[in-house]
């Protein structure tokens, strides 16, 4: 089976206590693995375009202000929220979601796996 694997970097701000005066910056790395469902060949650009639309509203933003996070901007909760958004967007465009990883450092990774490869 053939998979596409794409990394995306999201520059964001958050605070653990919800107080804007305690906000700080992170460079979050998100890795998505998916395979094509359609018979026609799709390039990375197709997957990249989908992910750009999902993540663009959050780039360089203070995430505590977004209602979808409910004030919880831990890496695990961000992972859960972004995973659902990514999976939905990819599957609408004929991609089968396989794996989602989000990390704030190379040593701290939160992963969701639906399909092993």
N, C-alpha and C. Protein backbone atom coordinates (compact mmCIF):
# COMPACT_ATOMS: atom_id res chain seq x y z
N UNK A 1 0.84 -1.17 0.00
CA UNK A 1 0.00 0.00 0.00
C UNK A 1 0.89 1.24 0.00
N UNK A 2 0.43 2.30 -0.63
CA UNK A 2 1.21 3.53 -0.75
C UNK A 2 0.58 4.63 0.11
N UNK A 3 1.43 5.36 0.82
CA UNK A 3 0.97 6.42 1.71
C UNK A 3 1.68 7.72 1.40
N UNK A 4 1.02 8.82 1.69
CA UNK A 4 1.64 10.14 1.66
C UNK A 4 1.85 10.54 3.13
N UNK A 5 2.98 11.14 3.39
CA UNK A 5 3.31 11.59 4.75
C UNK A 5 3.74 13.05 4.65
N UNK A 6 3.05 13.92 5.37
CA UNK A 6 3.30 15.34 5.27
C UNK A 6 3.45 15.95 6.66
N UNK A 7 4.40 16.85 6.81
CA UNK A 7 4.59 17.56 8.07
C UNK A 7 4.15 19.00 7.89
N UNK A 8 3.57 19.53 8.94
CA UNK A 8 3.10 20.90 8.93
C UNK A 8 3.57 21.56 10.22
N UNK A 9 4.00 22.79 10.15
CA UNK A 9 4.43 23.53 11.33
C UNK A 9 3.44 24.64 11.62
N UNK A 10 3.01 24.70 12.85
CA UNK A 10 2.04 25.68 13.29
C UNK A 10 2.67 26.55 14.38
N UNK A 11 2.83 27.82 14.10
CA UNK A 11 3.33 28.78 15.10
C UNK A 11 2.10 29.29 15.84
N UNK A 12 2.08 29.08 17.14
CA UNK A 12 0.91 29.46 17.91
C UNK A 12 1.32 30.00 19.27
N UNK A 13 0.34 30.55 19.96
CA UNK A 13 0.51 31.03 21.33
C UNK A 13 -0.59 30.41 22.18
N UNK A 14 -0.28 30.20 23.44
CA UNK A 14 -1.30 29.73 24.38
C UNK A 14 -0.85 30.03 25.80
N UNK A 15 -1.74 29.85 26.74
CA UNK A 15 -1.41 29.90 28.17
C UNK A 15 -2.16 28.76 28.84
N UNK A 16 -1.52 28.13 29.77
CA UNK A 16 -2.15 26.99 30.45
C UNK A 16 -3.26 27.42 31.40
N UNK A 17 -3.19 28.65 31.90
CA UNK A 17 -4.20 29.11 32.84
C UNK A 17 -5.26 30.00 32.19
N UNK A 18 -5.17 30.21 30.87
CA UNK A 18 -6.16 31.02 30.16
C UNK A 18 -5.96 32.51 30.31
N UNK A 19 -4.92 32.92 31.00
CA UNK A 19 -4.66 34.35 31.20
C UNK A 19 -3.71 34.84 30.11
N UNK A 20 -4.17 35.85 29.38
CA UNK A 20 -3.41 36.34 28.23
C UNK A 20 -2.03 36.87 28.62
N UNK A 21 -1.90 37.38 29.84
CA UNK A 21 -0.59 37.89 30.27
C UNK A 21 0.42 36.75 30.47
N UNK A 22 -0.05 35.51 30.52
CA UNK A 22 0.84 34.35 30.67
C UNK A 22 1.03 33.58 29.36
N UNK A 23 0.62 34.19 28.25
CA UNK A 23 0.76 33.48 26.98
C UNK A 23 2.23 33.36 26.59
N UNK A 24 2.51 32.30 25.87
CA UNK A 24 3.86 32.06 25.35
C UNK A 24 3.76 31.36 24.01
N UNK A 25 4.84 31.35 23.28
CA UNK A 25 4.86 30.84 21.92
C UNK A 25 5.34 29.39 21.85
N UNK A 26 4.85 28.69 20.84
CA UNK A 26 5.31 27.34 20.52
C UNK A 26 5.35 27.19 19.01
N UNK A 27 6.23 26.35 18.56
CA UNK A 27 6.23 25.89 17.18
C UNK A 27 5.82 24.43 17.25
N UNK A 28 4.59 24.16 16.89
CA UNK A 28 4.03 22.81 16.94
C UNK A 28 4.30 22.13 15.60
N UNK A 29 4.75 20.88 15.65
CA UNK A 29 4.91 20.12 14.41
C UNK A 29 3.83 19.06 14.37
N UNK A 30 3.17 19.00 13.24
CA UNK A 30 2.09 18.03 13.03
C UNK A 30 2.45 17.18 11.82
N UNK A 31 2.35 15.88 11.99
CA UNK A 31 2.63 14.96 10.88
C UNK A 31 1.38 14.15 10.58
N UNK A 32 1.03 14.10 9.32
CA UNK A 32 -0.16 13.39 8.86
C UNK A 32 0.27 12.32 7.87
N UNK A 33 -0.28 11.13 8.03
CA UNK A 33 -0.07 10.05 7.07
C UNK A 33 -1.44 9.62 6.55
N UNK A 34 -1.56 9.56 5.23
CA UNK A 34 -2.84 9.18 4.61
C UNK A 34 -2.56 8.48 3.29
N UNK A 35 -3.55 7.74 2.83
CA UNK A 35 -3.44 7.09 1.53
C UNK A 35 -4.63 7.50 0.67
N UNK A 36 -4.45 7.34 -0.60
CA UNK A 36 -5.50 7.72 -1.54
C UNK A 36 -6.57 6.64 -1.60
N UNK A 37 -7.81 7.07 -1.67
CA UNK A 37 -8.92 6.14 -1.87
C UNK A 37 -9.23 6.07 -3.36
N UNK A 38 -9.18 7.20 -4.02
CA UNK A 38 -9.52 7.27 -5.44
C UNK A 38 -8.48 6.54 -6.28
N UNK A 39 -8.89 6.08 -7.42
CA UNK A 39 -7.99 5.39 -8.35
C UNK A 39 -7.01 6.34 -9.00
N UNK A 40 -7.44 7.58 -9.20
CA UNK A 40 -6.57 8.56 -9.85
C UNK A 40 -5.43 8.94 -8.92
N UNK A 41 -4.26 9.15 -9.48
CA UNK A 41 -3.08 9.55 -8.71
C UNK A 41 -3.26 10.97 -8.19
N UNK A 42 -2.96 11.18 -6.93
CA UNK A 42 -3.00 12.51 -6.32
C UNK A 42 -1.61 12.84 -5.81
N UNK A 43 -1.20 14.07 -5.98
CA UNK A 43 0.12 14.50 -5.56
C UNK A 43 0.08 15.08 -4.15
N UNK A 44 1.28 15.29 -3.59
CA UNK A 44 1.38 15.92 -2.28
C UNK A 44 0.65 17.24 -2.24
N UNK A 45 0.66 17.97 -3.34
CA UNK A 45 0.03 19.28 -3.38
C UNK A 45 -1.44 19.21 -2.99
N UNK A 46 -2.10 18.12 -3.35
CA UNK A 46 -3.51 17.94 -2.99
C UNK A 46 -3.68 17.86 -1.48
N UNK A 47 -2.87 17.03 -0.85
CA UNK A 47 -2.92 16.87 0.60
C UNK A 47 -2.49 18.17 1.29
N UNK A 48 -1.46 18.81 0.78
CA UNK A 48 -0.95 20.05 1.35
C UNK A 48 -2.01 21.14 1.31
N UNK A 49 -2.73 21.24 0.24
CA UNK A 49 -3.79 22.23 0.09
C UNK A 49 -4.89 22.02 1.14
N UNK A 50 -5.24 20.78 1.37
CA UNK A 50 -6.27 20.46 2.37
C UNK A 50 -5.81 20.86 3.76
N UNK A 51 -4.58 20.50 4.11
CA UNK A 51 -4.05 20.81 5.44
C UNK A 51 -3.88 22.31 5.65
N UNK A 52 -3.48 23.00 4.63
CA UNK A 52 -3.33 24.46 4.73
C UNK A 52 -4.66 25.11 5.11
N UNK A 53 -5.75 24.64 4.53
CA UNK A 53 -7.07 25.19 4.84
C UNK A 53 -7.48 24.88 6.28
N UNK A 54 -7.09 23.70 6.79
CA UNK A 54 -7.43 23.33 8.16
C UNK A 54 -6.66 24.17 9.16
N UNK A 55 -5.35 24.34 8.95
CA UNK A 55 -4.50 24.97 9.95
C UNK A 55 -4.35 26.49 9.81
N UNK A 56 -4.60 27.05 8.65
CA UNK A 56 -4.38 28.48 8.42
C UNK A 56 -5.06 29.39 9.46
N UNK A 57 -6.28 29.11 9.88
CA UNK A 57 -6.92 30.02 10.85
C UNK A 57 -6.19 30.09 12.20
N UNK A 58 -5.36 29.10 12.51
CA UNK A 58 -4.69 29.02 13.81
C UNK A 58 -3.25 29.52 13.78
N UNK A 59 -2.72 29.71 12.58
CA UNK A 59 -1.33 30.12 12.44
C UNK A 59 -1.12 31.50 13.06
N UNK A 60 -0.14 31.60 13.97
CA UNK A 60 0.24 32.84 14.66
C UNK A 60 -0.87 33.40 15.56
N UNK A 61 -1.74 32.54 16.04
CA UNK A 61 -2.86 32.99 16.87
C UNK A 61 -2.72 32.51 18.31
N UNK A 62 -3.45 33.16 19.19
CA UNK A 62 -3.56 32.78 20.61
C UNK A 62 -4.71 31.78 20.70
N UNK A 63 -4.37 30.49 20.85
CA UNK A 63 -5.37 29.42 20.72
C UNK A 63 -6.41 29.40 21.84
N UNK A 64 -6.11 29.98 22.99
CA UNK A 64 -7.10 30.01 24.06
C UNK A 64 -8.36 30.77 23.66
N UNK A 65 -8.27 31.62 22.66
CA UNK A 65 -9.43 32.40 22.23
C UNK A 65 -10.37 31.65 21.29
N UNK A 66 -10.00 30.44 20.88
CA UNK A 66 -10.84 29.67 19.97
C UNK A 66 -11.77 28.75 20.78
N UNK A 67 -13.05 28.85 20.51
CA UNK A 67 -14.04 28.10 21.29
C UNK A 67 -13.88 26.58 21.16
N UNK A 68 -13.39 26.09 20.02
CA UNK A 68 -13.27 24.64 19.82
C UNK A 68 -12.30 23.98 20.80
N UNK A 69 -11.43 24.75 21.45
CA UNK A 69 -10.49 24.17 22.41
C UNK A 69 -11.04 24.21 23.83
N UNK A 70 -12.10 24.96 24.05
CA UNK A 70 -12.73 25.01 25.36
C UNK A 70 -11.77 25.41 26.48
N UNK A 71 -10.78 26.22 26.15
CA UNK A 71 -9.82 26.66 27.16
C UNK A 71 -8.70 25.68 27.44
N UNK A 72 -8.77 24.47 26.89
CA UNK A 72 -7.74 23.45 27.10
C UNK A 72 -6.81 23.42 25.89
N UNK A 73 -5.62 23.98 26.05
CA UNK A 73 -4.67 24.01 24.95
C UNK A 73 -3.45 23.12 25.22
N UNK A 74 -3.67 22.04 25.97
CA UNK A 74 -2.60 21.06 26.16
C UNK A 74 -2.32 20.39 24.81
N UNK A 75 -1.14 19.84 24.65
CA UNK A 75 -0.78 19.21 23.37
C UNK A 75 -1.73 18.05 23.06
N UNK A 76 -2.18 17.34 24.08
CA UNK A 76 -3.10 16.22 23.86
C UNK A 76 -4.45 16.71 23.35
N UNK A 77 -4.96 17.76 23.97
CA UNK A 77 -6.27 18.27 23.54
C UNK A 77 -6.18 18.91 22.16
N UNK A 78 -5.11 19.67 21.91
CA UNK A 78 -4.92 20.20 20.56
C UNK A 78 -4.89 19.06 19.56
N UNK A 79 -4.21 17.98 19.91
CA UNK A 79 -4.15 16.81 19.03
C UNK A 79 -5.52 16.24 18.73
N UNK A 80 -6.34 16.10 19.74
CA UNK A 80 -7.69 15.54 19.55
C UNK A 80 -8.53 16.43 18.63
N UNK A 81 -8.47 17.73 18.86
CA UNK A 81 -9.27 18.66 18.06
C UNK A 81 -8.77 18.69 16.61
N UNK A 82 -7.46 18.85 16.43
CA UNK A 82 -6.90 18.91 15.08
C UNK A 82 -7.05 17.58 14.34
N UNK A 83 -6.92 16.48 15.04
CA UNK A 83 -7.11 15.15 14.42
C UNK A 83 -8.49 15.06 13.77
N UNK A 84 -9.52 15.44 14.48
CA UNK A 84 -10.88 15.36 13.93
C UNK A 84 -11.05 16.28 12.72
N UNK A 85 -10.48 17.47 12.80
CA UNK A 85 -10.57 18.41 11.68
C UNK A 85 -9.82 17.88 10.45
N UNK A 86 -8.63 17.36 10.67
CA UNK A 86 -7.81 16.83 9.57
C UNK A 86 -8.47 15.61 8.95
N UNK A 87 -8.91 14.69 9.78
CA UNK A 87 -9.54 13.46 9.28
C UNK A 87 -10.76 13.80 8.42
N UNK A 88 -11.62 14.67 8.92
CA UNK A 88 -12.82 15.06 8.18
C UNK A 88 -12.46 15.70 6.84
N UNK A 89 -11.51 16.63 6.87
CA UNK A 89 -11.13 17.34 5.63
C UNK A 89 -10.50 16.39 4.61
N UNK A 90 -9.65 15.48 5.06
CA UNK A 90 -9.01 14.55 4.13
C UNK A 90 -10.01 13.57 3.53
N UNK A 91 -10.86 13.02 4.37
CA UNK A 91 -11.80 12.01 3.88
C UNK A 91 -12.83 12.61 2.92
N UNK A 92 -13.16 13.88 3.08
CA UNK A 92 -14.06 14.53 2.12
C UNK A 92 -13.43 14.65 0.75
N UNK A 93 -12.09 14.61 0.71
CA UNK A 93 -11.36 14.75 -0.56
C UNK A 93 -10.73 13.42 -1.01
N UNK A 94 -11.32 12.31 -0.57
CA UNK A 94 -10.93 10.97 -1.03
C UNK A 94 -9.57 10.50 -0.55
N UNK A 95 -9.22 10.86 0.68
CA UNK A 95 -8.03 10.35 1.33
C UNK A 95 -8.46 9.49 2.50
N UNK A 96 -7.74 8.43 2.79
CA UNK A 96 -8.00 7.59 3.96
C UNK A 96 -6.97 7.95 5.02
N UNK A 97 -7.41 8.49 6.12
CA UNK A 97 -6.54 8.89 7.21
C UNK A 97 -5.88 7.66 7.82
N UNK A 98 -4.60 7.74 8.14
CA UNK A 98 -3.89 6.62 8.76
C UNK A 98 -3.28 6.99 10.11
N UNK A 99 -2.59 8.12 10.18
CA UNK A 99 -1.86 8.48 11.39
C UNK A 99 -1.77 10.00 11.55
N UNK A 100 -1.87 10.45 12.80
CA UNK A 100 -1.74 11.86 13.14
C UNK A 100 -0.77 11.96 14.32
N UNK A 101 0.22 12.83 14.22
CA UNK A 101 1.14 13.09 15.32
C UNK A 101 1.24 14.59 15.53
N UNK A 102 1.32 15.00 16.78
CA UNK A 102 1.51 16.41 17.12
C UNK A 102 2.57 16.47 18.20
N UNK A 103 3.50 17.42 18.07
CA UNK A 103 4.56 17.52 19.07
C UNK A 103 4.98 18.96 19.27
N UNK A 104 5.40 19.24 20.50
CA UNK A 104 5.97 20.55 20.81
C UNK A 104 7.48 20.46 20.90
N UNK A 105 8.00 19.27 21.07
CA UNK A 105 9.44 18.99 21.01
C UNK A 105 9.60 17.62 20.36
N UNK A 106 10.77 17.32 19.84
CA UNK A 106 10.97 15.99 19.24
C UNK A 106 10.83 14.84 20.25
N UNK A 107 10.87 15.16 21.53
CA UNK A 107 10.78 14.12 22.56
C UNK A 107 9.39 13.95 23.15
N UNK A 108 8.46 14.82 22.78
CA UNK A 108 7.09 14.74 23.31
C UNK A 108 6.12 14.73 22.15
N UNK A 109 5.63 13.55 21.83
CA UNK A 109 4.76 13.37 20.67
C UNK A 109 3.47 12.70 21.11
N UNK A 110 2.35 13.25 20.67
CA UNK A 110 1.04 12.65 20.91
C UNK A 110 0.57 12.12 19.56
N UNK A 111 0.23 10.84 19.51
CA UNK A 111 -0.12 10.21 18.23
C UNK A 111 -1.49 9.55 18.30
N UNK A 112 -2.19 9.58 17.15
CA UNK A 112 -3.45 8.86 16.98
C UNK A 112 -3.28 8.04 15.72
N UNK A 113 -3.46 6.73 15.83
CA UNK A 113 -3.24 5.82 14.70
C UNK A 113 -4.53 5.07 14.42
N UNK A 114 -4.96 5.13 13.17
CA UNK A 114 -6.16 4.37 12.74
C UNK A 114 -5.78 3.19 11.87
N UNK A 115 -4.67 3.31 11.16
CA UNK A 115 -4.30 2.29 10.20
C UNK A 115 -2.79 2.09 10.28
N UNK A 116 -2.36 0.88 10.50
CA UNK A 116 -0.92 0.63 10.56
C UNK A 116 -0.40 0.38 9.14
N UNK A 117 0.84 0.71 8.96
CA UNK A 117 1.44 0.57 7.64
C UNK A 117 2.83 0.03 7.78
